[in-house]
Protein backbone atom coordinates (compact mmCIF):
# COMPACT_ATOMS: atom_id res chain seq x y z
CA MET A 1 27.88 -6.85 59.85
CA GLY A 2 27.41 -7.35 56.10
CA ALA A 3 24.98 -4.32 56.00
CA ALA A 4 28.00 -2.03 57.65
CA ASN A 5 30.27 -3.29 54.89
CA SER A 6 28.20 -2.79 52.00
CA PRO A 7 29.20 1.17 51.61
CA CYS A 8 32.88 0.23 51.61
CA ASP A 9 32.25 -2.59 49.34
CA GLY A 10 30.33 -0.12 46.82
CA ALA A 11 33.27 2.18 47.09
CA ALA A 12 35.74 -0.23 46.27
CA GLN A 13 33.68 -1.65 43.14
CA LYS A 14 33.80 2.09 41.77
CA LEU A 15 37.32 2.37 42.26
CA ILE A 16 38.05 -0.99 40.65
CA ARG A 17 35.64 0.12 37.76
CA LYS A 18 37.64 3.43 37.37
CA LEU A 19 41.20 1.75 37.65
CA MET A 20 40.23 -1.04 35.10
CA PRO A 21 41.22 1.19 31.86
CA THR A 22 44.52 1.83 33.38
CA LEU A 23 45.19 -1.96 33.90
CA PRO A 24 46.94 -2.73 30.59
CA GLY A 25 49.52 0.07 31.05
CA CYS A 26 50.08 -1.01 34.82
CA LEU A 27 50.68 -4.80 33.62
CA ALA A 28 53.00 -3.47 30.88
CA LEU A 29 54.96 -1.31 33.32
CA ALA A 30 55.27 -4.07 35.84
CA ALA A 31 56.56 -6.25 32.68
CA VAL A 32 59.16 -3.92 31.95
CA ALA A 33 60.53 -3.87 35.33
CA VAL A 34 60.78 -7.47 35.50
CA CYS A 35 62.28 -7.98 32.19
CA THR A 36 64.77 -5.25 33.03
CA TRP A 37 65.77 -7.01 36.43
CA VAL A 38 66.13 -10.31 34.67
CA SER A 39 67.73 -9.09 31.61
CA PHE A 40 70.36 -6.99 33.50
CA HIS A 41 71.25 -9.95 35.78
CA ILE A 42 71.52 -12.52 33.27
CA GLY A 43 73.73 -10.04 30.88
CA GLN A 44 71.57 -9.70 27.92
CA THR A 45 72.05 -7.18 25.29
CA PHE A 46 70.69 -3.95 24.22
CA ALA A 47 68.90 -5.54 21.07
CA PHE A 48 67.80 -8.39 22.80
CA THR A 49 66.02 -6.43 25.68
CA GLY A 50 64.83 -3.40 23.25
CA PHE A 51 62.98 -6.09 21.31
CA ILE A 52 61.45 -7.44 24.55
CA TYR A 53 60.36 -3.93 25.51
CA LEU A 54 58.85 -3.63 21.87
CA VAL A 55 56.52 -6.29 22.52
CA PHE A 56 55.38 -4.66 25.66
CA VAL A 57 54.70 -1.36 23.74
CA VAL A 58 52.68 -3.31 21.23
CA LEU A 59 50.39 -4.89 23.87
CA ALA A 60 49.90 -1.56 25.74
CA ALA A 61 48.97 0.14 22.53
CA LEU A 62 46.25 -2.68 21.53
CA TYR A 63 44.70 -3.03 25.00
CA GLY A 64 45.50 0.43 26.70
CA GLY A 65 45.56 2.96 23.83
CA PHE A 66 48.08 5.46 22.68
CA TRP A 67 48.92 7.24 26.09
CA GLN A 68 49.48 4.10 27.92
CA ALA A 69 51.90 3.00 25.15
CA THR A 70 53.61 6.35 25.37
CA MET A 71 54.26 5.76 29.07
CA ILE A 72 55.56 2.50 28.48
CA SER A 73 57.89 3.74 25.55
CA ILE A 74 59.37 6.26 27.94
CA ALA A 75 59.87 3.92 30.70
CA ALA A 76 61.31 1.30 28.19
CA ALA A 77 63.79 3.90 26.59
CA ALA A 78 64.93 5.21 30.25
CA CYS A 79 65.68 1.40 31.42
CA LEU A 80 67.61 0.82 28.22
CA ASN A 81 69.46 4.16 28.58
CA TYR A 82 70.33 3.47 32.30
CA PHE A 83 70.98 -0.36 32.43
CA PHE A 84 72.01 -1.16 28.85
CA VAL A 85 73.94 1.75 27.12
CA PRO A 86 77.17 2.64 28.17
CA PRO A 87 78.00 4.44 30.40
CA ILE A 88 75.55 2.24 32.47
CA PHE A 89 73.72 3.60 35.57
CA SER A 90 73.80 7.03 33.92
CA PHE A 91 71.13 8.84 31.70
CA ALA A 92 73.75 10.32 29.59
CA ASN A 93 72.11 10.96 26.19
CA SER A 94 73.16 8.83 23.13
CA PRO A 95 71.93 8.25 19.69
CA ALA A 96 70.74 4.80 20.63
CA ASN A 97 68.59 6.04 23.30
CA TRP A 98 66.61 8.54 20.93
CA VAL A 99 66.52 5.74 18.18
CA ALA A 100 64.77 3.25 20.68
CA LEU A 101 62.34 5.88 22.06
CA GLY A 102 61.47 6.81 18.56
CA ALA A 103 60.93 3.40 17.44
CA PHE A 104 58.77 2.71 20.68
CA GLU A 105 56.74 5.93 20.03
CA LEU A 106 56.35 5.10 16.49
CA THR A 107 55.08 1.70 17.23
CA ALA A 108 52.77 2.89 19.93
CA LEU A 109 51.10 5.29 17.21
CA VAL A 110 50.87 3.04 14.63
CA ILE A 111 49.49 0.10 16.68
CA SER A 112 47.14 2.24 18.74
CA ARG A 113 45.65 3.68 15.41
CA LEU A 114 45.21 0.32 13.87
CA SER A 115 43.58 -0.99 17.09
CA GLN A 116 41.29 1.88 17.17
CA ARG A 117 40.25 1.32 13.72
CA ALA A 118 39.76 -2.32 14.09
CA GLN A 119 37.64 -1.70 17.15
CA ALA A 120 35.67 0.85 15.48
CA ARG A 121 34.92 -1.42 12.75
CA ALA A 122 34.01 -4.32 14.90
CA MET A 123 31.40 -2.01 16.85
CA GLU A 124 30.22 -0.80 13.54
CA ALA A 125 29.65 -4.51 12.45
CA ILE A 126 27.97 -5.30 15.86
CA ALA A 127 25.81 -2.36 15.70
CA GLY A 128 24.94 -3.25 11.99
CA GLN A 129 24.09 -6.87 12.94
CA ARG A 130 21.94 -5.62 15.76
CA ASP A 131 20.06 -3.15 13.54
CA VAL A 132 19.61 -6.06 10.94
CA GLU A 133 18.23 -8.42 13.66
CA ARG A 134 15.89 -5.51 14.87
CA LEU A 135 14.78 -4.75 11.27
CA TYR A 136 14.06 -8.48 11.04
CA GLU A 137 12.00 -8.48 14.18
CA THR A 138 10.22 -5.23 13.08
CA SER A 139 9.13 -7.05 9.51
CA ARG A 140 7.97 -9.99 11.44
CA ARG A 141 5.83 -8.25 13.82
CA ILE A 142 4.44 -5.95 11.15
CA LEU A 143 3.07 -9.03 9.40
CA LEU A 144 1.32 -9.92 12.96
CA LEU A 145 -0.26 -6.33 13.45
CA ASP A 146 -3.92 -6.08 13.81
CA SER A 147 -5.24 -5.17 10.62
CA SER A 148 -8.71 -3.97 11.80
CA ARG A 149 -6.95 -1.12 13.74
CA ASP A 150 -5.54 1.95 12.33
CA PRO A 151 -1.70 1.15 11.16
CA GLY A 152 -0.60 4.75 12.05
CA SER A 153 -1.12 4.32 15.63
CA LEU A 154 0.52 0.75 15.92
CA ILE A 155 3.47 1.34 13.87
CA PRO A 156 5.50 3.93 15.92
CA SER A 157 4.93 1.95 19.01
CA LEU A 158 6.35 -1.16 17.50
CA ILE A 159 9.31 0.53 16.05
CA ARG A 160 10.04 2.31 19.54
CA ASP A 161 9.81 -0.86 21.42
CA ILE A 162 12.02 -2.73 19.20
CA PHE A 163 14.70 -0.08 18.63
CA ASP A 164 14.46 1.10 22.23
CA LEU A 165 14.02 4.76 21.12
CA ARG A 166 12.83 7.94 23.17
CA ALA A 167 10.29 8.63 20.91
CA VAL A 168 8.97 7.95 17.35
CA GLN A 169 6.68 9.91 14.81
CA LEU A 170 5.04 9.04 11.74
CA PHE A 171 3.27 11.34 9.27
CA ASP A 172 0.58 9.46 6.99
CA ALA A 173 0.30 11.78 3.60
CA GLN A 174 -2.98 10.05 2.72
CA SER A 175 -4.76 10.80 5.79
CA ALA A 176 -2.66 13.89 6.65
CA MET A 177 -2.27 12.50 10.16
CA THR A 178 0.82 12.63 12.34
CA TYR A 179 1.00 9.70 14.87
CA HIS A 180 3.56 9.85 17.89
CA THR A 181 4.64 7.64 20.77
CA GLY A 182 7.05 8.33 23.66
CA GLU A 183 7.93 11.88 24.75
CA SER A 184 6.05 14.75 23.01
CA GLN A 185 8.43 16.44 20.48
CA PRO A 186 6.49 19.36 18.67
CA VAL A 187 9.34 20.47 16.72
CA ALA A 188 9.89 16.99 15.29
CA GLU A 189 6.27 17.04 13.75
CA GLN A 190 7.07 19.74 11.29
CA HIS A 191 10.45 18.27 10.65
CA THR A 192 8.81 15.02 9.92
CA ARG A 193 6.40 16.50 7.35
CA ASP A 194 9.24 18.41 5.56
CA ALA A 195 10.93 14.98 5.17
CA TYR A 196 7.90 13.58 3.19
CA PHE A 197 7.59 17.08 1.13
CA ARG A 198 11.35 17.04 0.30
CA ASP A 199 11.70 13.47 -0.18
CA ASP A 200 14.87 13.41 1.73
CA ASP A 201 16.70 11.72 4.66
CA THR A 202 18.48 13.86 7.23
CA PHE A 203 19.95 13.33 10.61
CA ASP A 204 19.98 16.06 13.46
CA PRO A 205 23.30 15.38 15.37
CA GLU A 206 22.03 17.87 18.17
CA THR A 207 19.02 15.86 19.03
CA ARG A 208 20.41 12.50 17.51
CA THR A 209 17.20 12.22 15.23
CA TRP A 210 16.86 10.81 11.86
CA TYR A 211 14.17 12.42 9.69
CA CYS A 212 13.35 9.96 6.82
CA ALA A 213 10.82 9.90 3.99
CA VAL A 214 8.45 6.91 4.00
CA ARG A 215 8.72 5.49 0.66
CA LEU A 216 6.69 2.92 -1.24
CA GLY A 217 8.97 1.80 -4.16
CA VAL A 218 10.35 5.33 -5.19
CA ARG A 219 7.04 7.25 -4.28
CA PRO A 220 7.21 9.02 -0.70
CA VAL A 221 4.11 8.15 1.13
CA GLY A 222 4.91 9.92 4.49
CA GLY A 223 7.47 10.77 7.15
CA LEU A 224 9.23 9.19 9.90
CA ALA A 225 11.16 10.56 12.86
CA LEU A 226 13.44 8.40 14.93
CA ILE A 227 14.28 10.37 18.18
CA ASP A 228 17.51 9.62 20.13
CA THR A 229 19.42 6.96 18.30
CA GLU A 230 22.78 6.30 16.59
CA MET A 231 21.55 3.85 13.92
CA THR A 232 22.97 4.07 10.50
CA LYS A 233 21.47 5.77 7.41
CA LEU A 234 21.00 2.58 6.07
CA ALA A 235 19.09 1.23 8.90
CA ALA A 236 17.00 4.36 9.26
CA THR A 237 15.97 4.37 5.47
CA ALA A 238 15.37 0.60 5.72
CA LEU A 239 12.99 1.14 8.68
CA ALA A 240 11.25 4.01 6.91
CA SER A 241 10.52 1.59 3.97
CA LEU A 242 9.21 -1.13 6.18
CA GLY A 243 6.85 1.78 7.66
CA GLY A 244 5.60 2.25 4.05
CA ILE A 245 5.08 -1.28 3.57
CA ALA A 246 3.16 -1.55 6.76
CA LEU A 247 0.83 1.31 5.90
CA GLU A 248 0.16 -0.04 2.26
CA ARG A 249 -0.25 -3.62 3.58
CA ALA A 250 -2.91 -2.27 6.14
CA ARG A 251 -4.67 -0.29 3.52
CA THR A 252 -4.69 -3.40 1.09
CA LEU A 253 -6.04 -5.60 3.61
CA GLN A 254 -8.95 -3.25 4.48
CA ARG A 255 -9.79 -2.46 0.95
CA GLU A 256 -9.98 -6.52 0.49
CA TYR A 257 -12.41 -6.59 3.60
CA ARG A 258 -14.53 -3.86 2.10
CA ALA A 259 -14.37 -5.88 -1.36
CA GLN A 260 -15.25 -8.94 0.14
CA ALA A 261 -18.15 -7.42 2.29
CA ALA A 262 -19.47 -5.99 -0.82
CA ARG A 263 -19.40 -9.16 -2.71
CA GLN A 264 -21.34 -10.74 0.04
CA THR A 265 -23.86 -8.02 0.24
CA GLU A 266 -24.21 -8.40 -3.55
CA GLN A 267 -24.71 -12.12 -3.20
CA LEU A 268 -27.22 -11.72 -0.52
CA ARG A 269 -29.08 -9.06 -2.49
CA THR A 270 -29.00 -10.97 -5.64
CA ALA A 271 -30.58 -14.18 -3.73
CA VAL A 272 -33.24 -12.18 -2.18
CA LEU A 273 -34.22 -10.64 -5.70
CA ASP A 274 -34.32 -14.08 -7.11
CA ALA A 275 -36.40 -15.26 -4.31
CA LEU A 276 -38.76 -12.32 -4.59
CA ALA A 277 -38.97 -12.68 -8.45
CA HIS A 278 -40.08 -16.37 -8.18
CA GLU A 279 -42.61 -15.52 -5.55
CA PHE A 280 -44.09 -12.96 -7.50
CA LYS A 281 -44.53 -14.84 -10.65
CA THR A 282 -47.25 -17.17 -9.24
CA PRO A 283 -49.82 -14.74 -7.90
CA LEU A 284 -49.21 -12.38 -11.07
CA ALA A 285 -50.07 -15.31 -13.29
CA VAL A 286 -53.22 -15.79 -11.24
CA ALA A 287 -54.13 -11.87 -11.35
CA ARG A 288 -53.60 -11.85 -15.20
CA THR A 289 -55.53 -14.95 -15.69
CA ALA A 290 -58.33 -13.54 -13.46
CA SER A 291 -58.39 -10.04 -15.18
CA SER A 292 -58.19 -11.66 -18.71
CA GLY A 293 -61.13 -13.92 -17.90
CA LEU A 294 -63.31 -11.24 -16.69
CA LEU A 295 -62.71 -9.30 -19.92
CA ALA A 296 -63.59 -12.13 -22.10
CA VAL A 297 -66.62 -13.11 -19.99
CA GLY A 298 -67.76 -9.58 -20.74
CA GLY A 299 -71.08 -8.08 -19.40
CA LEU A 300 -69.19 -5.49 -17.47
CA SER A 301 -70.04 -1.85 -17.28
CA ASP A 302 -67.70 0.69 -18.74
CA LEU A 303 -66.24 1.58 -15.43
CA GLN A 304 -65.93 -2.12 -14.50
CA THR A 305 -64.30 -2.67 -17.92
CA GLU A 306 -61.70 0.32 -17.38
CA LEU A 307 -60.91 -1.01 -13.85
CA VAL A 308 -60.08 -4.48 -15.00
CA MET A 309 -58.14 -3.22 -17.76
CA THR A 310 -56.10 -1.17 -15.47
CA ILE A 311 -55.66 -4.33 -12.98
CA ASP A 312 -54.39 -6.31 -16.20
CA GLN A 313 -52.01 -3.45 -17.33
CA GLN A 314 -50.57 -3.21 -14.09
CA ALA A 315 -50.17 -7.00 -13.57
CA ASN A 316 -48.22 -6.98 -16.90
CA LYS A 317 -45.76 -4.41 -15.70
CA LEU A 318 -45.26 -6.40 -12.45
CA ASP A 319 -44.75 -9.61 -14.59
CA HIS A 320 -42.22 -7.77 -16.62
CA LEU A 321 -40.37 -6.33 -13.45
CA ALA A 322 -40.46 -10.05 -12.24
CA SER A 323 -38.89 -11.29 -15.13
CA ARG A 324 -36.03 -8.58 -15.30
CA LEU A 325 -35.22 -9.34 -11.76
CA LEU A 326 -35.07 -13.00 -12.85
CA GLY A 327 -32.76 -11.93 -15.54
CA ALA A 328 -30.52 -9.99 -13.28
CA ALA A 329 -30.07 -12.88 -11.08
CA MET A 330 -29.34 -15.26 -14.03
CA LEU A 331 -26.69 -12.85 -14.98
CA ASP A 332 -24.87 -12.95 -11.52
CA ASN A 333 -24.52 -16.63 -11.90
CA THR A 334 -20.82 -17.37 -12.45
CA GLU A 335 -21.68 -20.25 -14.71
CA PHE A 336 -23.68 -18.16 -17.13
CA LYS A 337 -22.29 -18.29 -20.75
CA PRO A 338 -24.03 -16.41 -23.73
CA LYS A 339 -24.84 -18.68 -26.81
CA ARG A 340 -23.19 -16.50 -29.55
CA GLU A 341 -23.99 -16.50 -33.23
CA PRO A 342 -23.59 -14.08 -36.25
CA LEU A 343 -26.51 -11.46 -35.92
CA LEU A 344 -27.09 -8.13 -37.92
CA PHE A 345 -28.05 -5.22 -35.60
CA SER A 346 -30.40 -4.04 -38.18
CA HIS A 347 -32.43 -7.12 -37.89
CA LEU A 348 -32.43 -6.91 -33.97
CA VAL A 349 -33.48 -3.10 -33.87
CA GLY A 350 -36.51 -4.03 -36.34
CA LEU A 351 -37.58 -6.75 -33.81
CA VAL A 352 -37.55 -4.37 -31.00
CA LEU A 353 -39.22 -1.63 -32.63
CA ARG A 354 -42.08 -3.69 -33.87
CA LYS A 355 -42.72 -4.77 -30.32
CA LEU A 356 -43.50 -0.96 -29.21
CA GLU A 357 -46.96 -0.72 -28.03
CA VAL A 358 -47.44 2.95 -28.90
CA PRO A 359 -47.41 3.55 -32.60
CA ALA A 360 -46.22 7.15 -32.23
CA ASP A 361 -43.33 5.71 -30.35
CA ARG A 362 -42.10 3.77 -33.58
CA GLU A 363 -42.48 6.53 -35.61
CA ARG A 364 -40.01 8.58 -33.52
CA PHE A 365 -37.19 6.34 -34.36
CA ARG A 366 -34.55 6.91 -37.27
CA VAL A 367 -32.34 3.80 -38.05
CA PHE A 368 -29.16 4.25 -39.95
CA VAL A 369 -26.95 1.17 -41.00
CA PRO A 370 -24.28 0.83 -43.56
CA SER A 371 -24.98 -0.83 -46.87
CA GLN A 372 -22.49 -3.60 -46.13
CA GLU A 373 -23.39 -4.31 -42.88
CA VAL A 374 -21.02 -6.33 -40.49
CA PRO A 375 -22.61 -9.07 -38.28
CA VAL A 376 -21.74 -9.51 -34.61
CA LEU A 377 -21.39 -12.68 -32.55
CA ALA A 378 -23.97 -12.30 -30.02
CA ASP A 379 -26.88 -14.41 -28.07
CA GLN A 380 -30.06 -13.19 -29.83
CA GLU A 381 -32.25 -13.16 -26.70
CA LEU A 382 -29.64 -11.34 -24.53
CA ILE A 383 -28.84 -8.67 -27.16
CA LEU A 384 -32.61 -8.23 -27.69
CA THR A 385 -32.90 -7.27 -24.11
CA VAL A 386 -30.11 -4.90 -24.25
CA ILE A 387 -31.67 -3.04 -27.16
CA THR A 388 -35.06 -3.03 -25.86
CA GLN A 389 -33.51 -1.35 -22.66
CA LEU A 390 -31.77 1.41 -24.48
CA VAL A 391 -34.99 1.89 -26.67
CA ASP A 392 -37.10 2.11 -23.62
CA ASN A 393 -34.80 4.55 -21.92
CA ALA A 394 -34.75 6.66 -25.00
CA VAL A 395 -38.52 6.81 -24.99
CA LYS A 396 -38.92 7.30 -21.38
CA TYR A 397 -36.26 10.16 -20.87
CA SER A 398 -36.42 12.06 -24.06
CA GLU A 399 -38.55 15.09 -24.91
CA PRO A 400 -41.81 13.82 -26.07
CA GLY A 401 -42.14 13.65 -29.87
CA SER A 402 -38.54 14.28 -30.52
CA PRO A 403 -36.60 12.29 -32.75
CA ILE A 404 -34.46 9.23 -31.70
CA ASP A 405 -31.52 8.11 -33.73
CA ILE A 406 -30.04 4.52 -33.93
CA ARG A 407 -26.98 4.20 -35.78
CA SER A 408 -24.70 1.30 -36.40
CA ALA A 409 -21.18 1.22 -37.78
CA ALA A 410 -18.46 -1.22 -38.03
CA LYS A 411 -14.92 0.09 -36.36
CA ASN A 412 -11.62 -2.18 -36.50
CA SER A 413 -12.75 -5.48 -35.21
CA GLU A 414 -16.03 -4.50 -33.51
CA VAL A 415 -19.38 -3.19 -34.48
CA LEU A 416 -21.05 -0.08 -32.83
CA LEU A 417 -24.53 0.52 -32.11
CA THR A 418 -25.49 3.90 -30.60
CA VAL A 419 -28.99 5.31 -29.51
CA ARG A 420 -29.18 9.34 -29.31
CA SER A 421 -32.12 11.16 -27.85
CA LYS A 422 -32.81 14.56 -27.22
CA GLY A 423 -33.42 15.47 -23.40
CA ILE A 424 -31.67 15.23 -20.34
CA VAL A 425 -27.60 15.45 -20.17
CA VAL A 426 -26.31 13.00 -17.53
CA ALA A 427 -23.27 14.59 -15.80
CA SER A 428 -19.86 13.41 -16.79
CA SER A 429 -19.46 12.12 -12.96
CA ASP A 430 -22.65 9.84 -13.29
CA ARG A 431 -22.01 8.40 -17.02
CA GLU A 432 -20.09 5.17 -15.23
CA ARG A 433 -22.36 5.15 -12.18
CA VAL A 434 -25.68 4.82 -14.28
CA PHE A 435 -24.69 1.10 -15.05
CA GLU A 436 -24.33 0.40 -11.16
CA ARG A 437 -27.29 -1.66 -9.90
CA PHE A 438 -30.29 0.60 -8.48
CA TYR A 439 -28.39 3.81 -9.15
CA ARG A 440 -30.31 6.68 -10.84
CA ALA A 441 -28.69 10.09 -12.08
CA PRO A 442 -29.93 13.14 -10.11
CA GLU A 443 -31.25 14.64 -13.76
CA THR A 444 -33.80 11.57 -13.91
CA HIS A 445 -35.36 12.03 -10.45
CA HIS A 446 -38.23 14.29 -11.60
CA LEU A 447 -39.04 11.59 -14.37
CA PRO A 448 -40.91 8.58 -14.55
CA ALA A 449 -39.58 6.01 -11.82
CA GLY A 450 -37.48 3.19 -13.03
CA THR A 451 -36.13 0.04 -11.20
CA GLY A 452 -32.54 0.86 -11.41
CA LEU A 453 -31.85 -2.47 -13.03
CA GLY A 454 -32.04 -1.91 -16.70
CA LEU A 455 -28.59 -0.38 -17.53
CA SER A 456 -26.78 -2.56 -14.93
CA ILE A 457 -28.32 -5.63 -16.91
CA VAL A 458 -27.26 -4.11 -20.21
CA LYS A 459 -23.62 -3.76 -18.69
CA LYS A 460 -23.45 -7.47 -17.38
CA ILE A 461 -24.77 -8.66 -20.76
CA VAL A 462 -22.49 -6.54 -22.82
CA ASP A 463 -19.48 -7.73 -20.63
CA ALA A 464 -20.61 -11.38 -20.99
CA HIS A 465 -20.13 -10.79 -24.79
CA LEU A 466 -16.62 -9.38 -24.19
CA GLY A 467 -17.85 -6.24 -25.45
CA SER A 468 -18.08 -2.61 -24.00
CA VAL A 469 -20.98 -0.15 -23.14
CA TRP A 470 -20.65 3.68 -22.30
CA ALA A 471 -22.75 6.86 -21.98
CA GLU A 472 -21.88 10.19 -23.60
CA GLY A 473 -23.43 13.81 -22.99
CA GLU A 474 -24.04 16.52 -25.64
CA ALA A 475 -24.31 19.95 -24.07
CA GLY A 476 -27.67 21.48 -25.13
CA TYR A 477 -28.99 18.44 -26.79
CA GLY A 478 -29.14 15.07 -24.77
CA THR A 479 -27.47 11.82 -23.98
CA SER A 480 -26.40 8.98 -26.18
CA PHE A 481 -25.89 5.15 -25.14
CA SER A 482 -23.39 3.27 -27.27
CA LEU A 483 -22.37 -0.33 -27.29
CA ALA A 484 -19.32 -2.31 -29.04
CA LEU A 485 -19.49 -6.22 -29.77
CA PRO A 486 -16.94 -8.16 -31.39
CA ALA A 487 -17.62 -8.59 -35.21
CA ALA A 488 -18.40 -11.98 -36.49
CA ARG A 489 -15.81 -11.69 -39.17
CA ALA A 490 -12.91 -11.18 -36.52
CA HIS A 491 -13.26 -14.64 -35.48
């Protein structure tokens, strides 16, 4: 029985839904009829009844709109003319009838317009509140995005789910990639890119689509298409800004993860180098002692003496390498602090040059210092290491027999030391990288191999002294290395 009546019930519900908008007019019309009957039988005047009718017109205009209020105005004017304006029971025209009708119509027009405007503003306020709530939800969920995944593929889906859109497209200018979710919109892809290139926000009423520039501050970083929406421009631009913030946040987290991984790798490598250097020291000491003992005992043939001397020289080189590895590990210690005192570059350079084993190498150096030399604040042992490394590099990578210049000069509150040699010219793109650990410039690959530690140690020592070090290339001549340290007189 219930199943048989269900189609009728459905039809009745549809009919009720269609008639619901006319309910205010019908009620007002019924109220006019009741008021007319009561007022006529109790002998009310034209003015009193007209005022009551005016109330019904206002109510009809508020809840039913202008046309229902017009219908009530005509009915009320007709009732006034027929029942309350002499001669009664007649529709004879009179000025009072036209005045009443005009008053009713004017009231209906004004009230309906005010009501529509109030309703529109209320709907805008509700829509704005809903957009704010959705923007808040978007910003909250952006903070919870999986930073290990590509943010470009997550942001469109997030926006589409929260704002219930047909489709969303995001153009990331940095990667030149376009991400989309929902229904495919080939035309929208180009418009999204155009929004980025024009740095503009536009709305297409035909497709109900916002094309917004994704900005980070005032700088555009992409484009966003919000397809099939009626959201305001304020909400659309705010959403695009959230997209820019989400992209930048994801990239910042990725850079932080990479930096953290690099720090951990560097710490592990430093620990391994430290351990290896310590392990090398003991067998090297034994080997050097044995080779030196054999040479001291004597009684060896010429060939045996040459072989033992070769062993001793190579053991010395390995010991020197182990010492440099230990020095690099010491410089990586966060508690490392140099013991600074006033020193003259001329004195330090002289100590380094006197230690050169080959006399011909010492003769290649030309040292230039001012007559009134300014001391620097530095740790003597550490700066000797720096100068020794720069001198060794100049000897190793310059043309054999060519002169090597060392110049010192005071500039402002610093003292500069430059080692200039003739030979290879390090490319401008490599002049910063040569100070990285284990990096060798391509121009030096055919030359005697080094450890790749020397210049990185130089940079760490100079940085610890609050100074700076850099390389400069001279086309057709060679490369010069300079360092600047704080002058003692500046402190």
